[in-house]
Amino acid sequence: MTAVPSPGPQSDAPTAGPSSGFSRLGLVLWAGAAVCLVAAGLVLWNARGAGVFTDVLAAAIAWCF
């Protein structure tokens, strides 16, 4: 009998690659968008005051529904 060579070690662990769900670029873009929205809100709050900012925010939420 002759020995059959084994194919080598195989791993069932998922590999990180371009097709693995969220990419690093996508995560960076989403984080950047979130930071921009928070910064825009802080600038609006600083420029217009808390009362006006709260009114605008409440109107925007009400418009969504």
PDB file of N, CA and C in Angstrom:
ATOM      1  N   MET A   1       0.830  -1.180   0.000  1.00  0.00           N
ATOM      2  CA  MET A   1       0.000   0.000   0.000  1.00  0.00           C
ATOM      3  C   MET A   1       0.874   1.242   0.000  1.00  0.00           C
ATOM      4  N   THR A   2       0.389   2.245  -0.702  1.00  0.00           N
ATOM      5  CA  THR A   2       1.119   3.503  -0.727  1.00  0.00           C
ATOM      6  C   THR A   2       0.351   4.542   0.066  1.00  0.00           C
ATOM      7  N   ALA A   3       1.067   5.406   0.704  1.00  0.00           N
ATOM      8  CA  ALA A   3       0.441   6.453   1.523  1.00  0.00           C
ATOM      9  C   ALA A   3      -0.069   7.576   0.619  1.00  0.00           C
ATOM     10  N   VAL A   4      -1.249   8.030   0.924  1.00  0.00           N
ATOM     11  CA  VAL A   4      -1.838   9.149   0.180  1.00  0.00           C
ATOM     12  C   VAL A   4      -1.451  10.438   0.906  1.00  0.00           C
ATOM     13  N   PRO A   5      -0.820  11.367   0.192  1.00  0.00           N
ATOM     14  CA  PRO A   5      -0.417  12.606   0.868  1.00  0.00           C
ATOM     15  C   PRO A   5      -1.647  13.415   1.286  1.00  0.00           C
ATOM     16  N   SER A   6      -1.573  13.983   2.482  1.00  0.00           N
ATOM     17  CA  SER A   6      -2.688  14.807   2.962  1.00  0.00           C
ATOM     18  C   SER A   6      -2.615  16.180   2.308  1.00  0.00           C
ATOM     19  N   PRO A   7      -3.755  16.815   2.125  1.00  0.00           N
ATOM     20  CA  PRO A   7      -3.772  18.124   1.461  1.00  0.00           C
ATOM     21  C   PRO A   7      -3.179  19.235   2.326  1.00  0.00           C
ATOM     22  N   GLY A   8      -2.866  18.970   3.556  1.00  0.00           N
ATOM     23  CA  GLY A   8      -2.301  19.983   4.442  1.00  0.00           C
ATOM     24  C   GLY A   8      -3.346  20.489   5.410  1.00  0.00           C
ATOM     25  N   PRO A   9      -2.920  21.331   6.319  1.00  0.00           N
ATOM     26  CA  PRO A   9      -3.887  21.832   7.311  1.00  0.00           C
ATOM     27  C   PRO A   9      -4.897  22.768   6.658  1.00  0.00           C
ATOM     28  N   GLN A  10      -6.128  22.565   7.041  1.00  0.00           N
ATOM     29  CA  GLN A  10      -7.195  23.419   6.522  1.00  0.00           C
ATOM     30  C   GLN A  10      -7.861  24.111   7.693  1.00  0.00           C
ATOM     31  N   SER A  11      -8.232  25.324   7.481  1.00  0.00           N
ATOM     32  CA  SER A  11      -8.863  26.104   8.525  1.00  0.00           C
ATOM     33  C   SER A  11     -10.271  26.486   8.069  1.00  0.00           C
ATOM     34  N   ASP A  12     -11.208  26.371   8.991  1.00  0.00           N
ATOM     35  CA  ASP A  12     -12.578  26.778   8.695  1.00  0.00           C
ATOM     36  C   ASP A  12     -12.830  28.218   9.124  1.00  0.00           C
ATOM     37  N   ALA A  13     -11.811  28.890   9.633  1.00  0.00           N
ATOM     38  CA  ALA A  13     -11.972  30.266  10.080  1.00  0.00           C
ATOM     39  C   ALA A  13     -12.178  31.175   8.866  1.00  0.00           C
ATOM     40  N   PRO A  14     -13.086  32.137   9.012  1.00  0.00           N
ATOM     41  CA  PRO A  14     -13.311  33.055   7.887  1.00  0.00           C
ATOM     42  C   PRO A  14     -12.078  33.925   7.661  1.00  0.00           C
ATOM     43  N   THR A  15     -11.844  34.229   6.424  1.00  0.00           N
ATOM     44  CA  THR A  15     -10.711  35.079   6.096  1.00  0.00           C
ATOM     45  C   THR A  15     -11.197  36.499   5.878  1.00  0.00           C
ATOM     46  N   ALA A  16     -10.401  37.448   6.284  1.00  0.00           N
ATOM     47  CA  ALA A  16     -10.747  38.849   6.080  1.00  0.00           C
ATOM     48  C   ALA A  16     -10.331  39.245   4.675  1.00  0.00           C
ATOM     49  N   GLY A  17     -11.250  39.769   3.966  1.00  0.00           N
ATOM     50  CA  GLY A  17     -10.969  40.186   2.609  1.00  0.00           C
ATOM     51  C   GLY A  17     -12.005  41.182   2.141  1.00  0.00           C
ATOM     52  N   PRO A  18     -11.954  41.560   0.907  1.00  0.00           N
ATOM     53  CA  PRO A  18     -12.893  42.555   0.408  1.00  0.00           C
ATOM     54  C   PRO A  18     -14.345  42.115   0.470  1.00  0.00           C
ATOM     55  N   SER A  19     -14.599  40.827   0.483  1.00  0.00           N
ATOM     56  CA  SER A  19     -15.979  40.354   0.473  1.00  0.00           C
ATOM     57  C   SER A  19     -16.467  39.964   1.861  1.00  0.00           C
ATOM     58  N   SER A  20     -15.806  40.392   2.903  1.00  0.00           N
ATOM     59  CA  SER A  20     -16.166  39.972   4.249  1.00  0.00           C
ATOM     60  C   SER A  20     -17.051  41.009   4.943  1.00  0.00           C
ATOM     61  N   GLY A  21     -18.200  41.311   4.408  1.00  0.00           N
ATOM     62  CA  GLY A  21     -19.142  42.216   5.049  1.00  0.00           C
ATOM     63  C   GLY A  21     -18.667  43.660   4.973  1.00  0.00           C
ATOM     64  N   PHE A  22     -18.470  44.248   6.139  1.00  0.00           N
ATOM     65  CA  PHE A  22     -18.027  45.638   6.201  1.00  0.00           C
ATOM     66  C   PHE A  22     -16.534  45.728   5.939  1.00  0.00           C
ATOM     67  N   SER A  23     -16.161  46.602   5.070  1.00  0.00           N
ATOM     68  CA  SER A  23     -14.742  46.829   4.826  1.00  0.00           C
ATOM     69  C   SER A  23     -14.272  47.969   5.723  1.00  0.00           C
ATOM     70  N   ARG A  24     -12.994  48.094   5.851  1.00  0.00           N
ATOM     71  CA  ARG A  24     -12.435  49.162   6.681  1.00  0.00           C
ATOM     72  C   ARG A  24     -12.811  50.533   6.102  1.00  0.00           C
ATOM     73  N   LEU A  25     -12.790  50.658   4.786  1.00  0.00           N
ATOM     74  CA  LEU A  25     -13.139  51.933   4.157  1.00  0.00           C
ATOM     75  C   LEU A  25     -14.588  52.300   4.455  1.00  0.00           C
ATOM     76  N   GLY A  26     -15.492  51.326   4.376  1.00  0.00           N
ATOM     77  CA  GLY A  26     -16.898  51.584   4.684  1.00  0.00           C
ATOM     78  C   GLY A  26     -17.084  52.024   6.121  1.00  0.00           C
ATOM     79  N   LEU A  27     -16.375  51.379   7.029  1.00  0.00           N
ATOM     80  CA  LEU A  27     -16.467  51.738   8.441  1.00  0.00           C
ATOM     81  C   LEU A  27     -15.946  53.157   8.669  1.00  0.00           C
ATOM     82  N   VAL A  28     -14.846  53.511   8.025  1.00  0.00           N
ATOM     83  CA  VAL A  28     -14.291  54.856   8.158  1.00  0.00           C
ATOM     84  C   VAL A  28     -15.261  55.890   7.592  1.00  0.00           C
ATOM     85  N   LEU A  29     -15.890  55.585   6.468  1.00  0.00           N
ATOM     86  CA  LEU A  29     -16.847  56.523   5.872  1.00  0.00           C
ATOM     87  C   LEU A  29     -18.068  56.733   6.768  1.00  0.00           C
ATOM     88  N   TRP A  30     -18.603  55.659   7.338  1.00  0.00           N
ATOM     89  CA  TRP A  30     -19.747  55.785   8.240  1.00  0.00           C
ATOM     90  C   TRP A  30     -19.370  56.564   9.491  1.00  0.00           C
ATOM     91  N   ALA A  31     -18.197  56.295  10.044  1.00  0.00           N
ATOM     92  CA  ALA A  31     -17.749  57.026  11.233  1.00  0.00           C
ATOM     93  C   ALA A  31     -17.552  58.506  10.907  1.00  0.00           C
ATOM     94  N   GLY A  32     -16.989  58.797   9.734  1.00  0.00           N
ATOM     95  CA  GLY A  32     -16.804  60.186   9.322  1.00  0.00           C
ATOM     96  C   GLY A  32     -18.126  60.909   9.155  1.00  0.00           C
ATOM     97  N   ALA A  33     -19.108  60.221   8.589  1.00  0.00           N
ATOM     98  CA  ALA A  33     -20.437  60.827   8.421  1.00  0.00           C
ATOM     99  C   ALA A  33     -21.074  61.118   9.782  1.00  0.00           C
ATOM    100  N   ALA A  34     -20.927  60.207  10.730  1.00  0.00           N
ATOM    101  CA  ALA A  34     -21.486  60.418  12.068  1.00  0.00           C
ATOM    102  C   ALA A  34     -20.812  61.593  12.768  1.00  0.00           C
ATOM    103  N   VAL A  35     -19.496  61.687  12.635  1.00  0.00           N
ATOM    104  CA  VAL A  35     -18.767  62.803  13.242  1.00  0.00           C
ATOM    105  C   VAL A  35     -19.202  64.126  12.616  1.00  0.00           C
ATOM    106  N   CYS A  36     -19.395  64.148  11.305  1.00  0.00           N
ATOM    107  CA  CYS A  36     -19.841  65.370  10.627  1.00  0.00           C
ATOM    108  C   CYS A  36     -21.231  65.797  11.094  1.00  0.00           C
ATOM    109  N   LEU A  37     -22.129  64.844  11.283  1.00  0.00           N
ATOM    110  CA  LEU A  37     -23.471  65.187  11.759  1.00  0.00           C
ATOM    111  C   LEU A  37     -23.445  65.742  13.178  1.00  0.00           C
ATOM    112  N   VAL A  38     -22.652  65.131  14.032  1.00  0.00           N
ATOM    113  CA  VAL A  38     -22.541  65.626  15.409  1.00  0.00           C
ATOM    114  C   VAL A  38     -21.908  67.012  15.413  1.00  0.00           C
ATOM    115  N   ALA A  39     -20.871  67.219  14.619  1.00  0.00           N
ATOM    116  CA  ALA A  39     -20.216  68.531  14.555  1.00  0.00           C
ATOM    117  C   ALA A  39     -21.180  69.592  14.028  1.00  0.00           C
ATOM    118  N   ALA A  40     -21.973  69.257  13.010  1.00  0.00           N
ATOM    119  CA  ALA A  40     -22.943  70.209  12.477  1.00  0.00           C
ATOM    120  C   ALA A  40     -23.981  70.568  13.539  1.00  0.00           C
ATOM    121  N   GLY A  41     -24.416  69.596  14.311  1.00  0.00           N
ATOM    122  CA  GLY A  41     -25.358  69.869  15.392  1.00  0.00           C
ATOM    123  C   GLY A  41     -24.767  70.770  16.460  1.00  0.00           C
ATOM    124  N   LEU A  42     -23.517  70.545  16.800  1.00  0.00           N
ATOM    125  CA  LEU A  42     -22.870  71.393  17.806  1.00  0.00           C
ATOM    126  C   LEU A  42     -22.681  72.819  17.300  1.00  0.00           C
ATOM    127  N   VAL A  43     -22.336  72.966  16.033  1.00  0.00           N
ATOM    128  CA  VAL A  43     -22.190  74.312  15.462  1.00  0.00           C
ATOM    129  C   VAL A  43     -23.541  75.022  15.456  1.00  0.00           C
ATOM    130  N   LEU A  44     -24.601  74.318  15.068  1.00  0.00           N
ATOM    131  CA  LEU A  44     -25.935  74.919  15.059  1.00  0.00           C
ATOM    132  C   LEU A  44     -26.355  75.313  16.467  1.00  0.00           C
ATOM    133  N   TRP A  45     -26.092  74.456  17.428  1.00  0.00           N
ATOM    134  CA  TRP A  45     -26.447  74.739  18.814  1.00  0.00           C
ATOM    135  C   TRP A  45     -25.677  75.955  19.319  1.00  0.00           C
ATOM    136  N   ASN A  46     -24.409  76.055  18.967  1.00  0.00           N
ATOM    137  CA  ASN A  46     -23.592  77.190  19.402  1.00  0.00           C
ATOM    138  C   ASN A  46     -24.050  78.485  18.727  1.00  0.00           C
ATOM    139  N   ALA A  47     -24.414  78.422  17.469  1.00  0.00           N
ATOM    140  CA  ALA A  47     -24.773  79.632  16.732  1.00  0.00           C
ATOM    141  C   ALA A  47     -26.190  80.113  17.051  1.00  0.00           C
ATOM    142  N   ARG A  48     -27.121  79.208  17.223  1.00  0.00           N
ATOM    143  CA  ARG A  48     -28.536  79.583  17.362  1.00  0.00           C
ATOM    144  C   ARG A  48     -29.077  79.477  18.778  1.00  0.00           C
ATOM    145  N   GLY A  49     -28.356  78.844  19.654  1.00  0.00           N
ATOM    146  CA  GLY A  49     -28.826  78.704  21.025  1.00  0.00           C
ATOM    147  C   GLY A  49     -29.616  77.422  21.228  1.00  0.00           C
ATOM    148  N   ALA A  50     -29.728  77.039  22.473  1.00  0.00           N
ATOM    149  CA  ALA A  50     -30.361  75.762  22.813  1.00  0.00           C
ATOM    150  C   ALA A  50     -31.851  75.751  22.471  1.00  0.00           C
ATOM    151  N   GLY A  51     -32.545  76.867  22.699  1.00  0.00           N
ATOM    152  CA  GLY A  51     -33.985  76.910  22.440  1.00  0.00           C
ATOM    153  C   GLY A  51     -34.323  76.721  20.982  1.00  0.00           C
ATOM    154  N   VAL A  52     -33.646  77.444  20.123  1.00  0.00           N
ATOM    155  CA  VAL A  52     -33.910  77.345  18.690  1.00  0.00           C
ATOM    156  C   VAL A  52     -33.479  75.973  18.182  1.00  0.00           C
ATOM    157  N   PHE A  53     -32.345  75.502  18.676  1.00  0.00           N
ATOM    158  CA  PHE A  53     -31.860  74.193  18.250  1.00  0.00           C
ATOM    159  C   PHE A  53     -32.861  73.101  18.621  1.00  0.00           C
ATOM    160  N   THR A  54     -33.407  73.172  19.828  1.00  0.00           N
ATOM    161  CA  THR A  54     -34.381  72.175  20.267  1.00  0.00           C
ATOM    162  C   THR A  54     -35.653  72.251  19.424  1.00  0.00           C
ATOM    163  N   ASP A  55     -36.104  73.456  19.101  1.00  0.00           N
ATOM    164  CA  ASP A  55     -37.288  73.607  18.252  1.00  0.00           C
ATOM    165  C   ASP A  55     -37.063  73.026  16.860  1.00  0.00           C
ATOM    166  N   VAL A  56     -35.904  73.298  16.287  1.00  0.00           N
ATOM    167  CA  VAL A  56     -35.593  72.770  14.959  1.00  0.00           C
ATOM    168  C   VAL A  56     -35.498  71.252  15.008  1.00  0.00           C
ATOM    169  N   LEU A  57     -34.865  70.726  16.045  1.00  0.00           N
ATOM    170  CA  LEU A  57     -34.743  69.278  16.178  1.00  0.00           C
ATOM    171  C   LEU A  57     -36.111  68.627  16.348  1.00  0.00           C
ATOM    172  N   ALA A  58     -36.976  69.211  17.164  1.00  0.00           N
ATOM    173  CA  ALA A  58     -38.316  68.657  17.354  1.00  0.00           C
ATOM    174  C   ALA A  58     -39.132  68.718  16.063  1.00  0.00           C
ATOM    175  N   ALA A  59     -38.997  69.798  15.314  1.00  0.00           N
ATOM    176  CA  ALA A  59     -39.709  69.892  14.040  1.00  0.00           C
ATOM    177  C   ALA A  59     -39.195  68.865  13.025  1.00  0.00           C
ATOM    178  N   ALA A  60     -37.895  68.623  13.015  1.00  0.00           N
ATOM    179  CA  ALA A  60     -37.330  67.636  12.105  1.00  0.00           C
ATOM    180  C   ALA A  60     -37.800  66.240  12.440  1.00  0.00           C
ATOM    181  N   ILE A  61     -37.858  65.921  13.730  1.00  0.00           N
ATOM    182  CA  ILE A  61     -38.344  64.598  14.141  1.00  0.00           C
ATOM    183  C   ILE A  61     -39.820  64.453  13.820  1.00  0.00           C
ATOM    184  N   ALA A  62     -40.613  65.509  14.059  1.00  0.00           N
ATOM    185  CA  ALA A  62     -42.039  65.458  13.757  1.00  0.00           C
ATOM    186  C   ALA A  62     -42.285  65.306  12.255  1.00  0.00           C
ATOM    187  N   TRP A  63     -41.438  65.936  11.441  1.00  0.00           N
ATOM    188  CA  TRP A  63     -41.579  65.823   9.986  1.00  0.00           C
ATOM    189  C   TRP A  63     -41.361  64.394   9.518  1.00  0.00           C
ATOM    190  N   CYS A  64     -40.491  63.660  10.200  1.00  0.00           N
ATOM    191  CA  CYS A  64     -40.221  62.265   9.823  1.00  0.00           C
ATOM    192  C   CYS A  64     -41.446  61.377  10.030  1.00  0.00           C
ATOM    193  N   PHE A  65     -42.294  61.726  10.969  1.00  0.00           N
ATOM    194  CA  PHE A  65     -43.451  60.888  11.268  1.00  0.00           C
ATOM    195  C   PHE A  65     -44.680  61.595  10.806  1.00  0.00           C
TER     196      PHE A  65
END
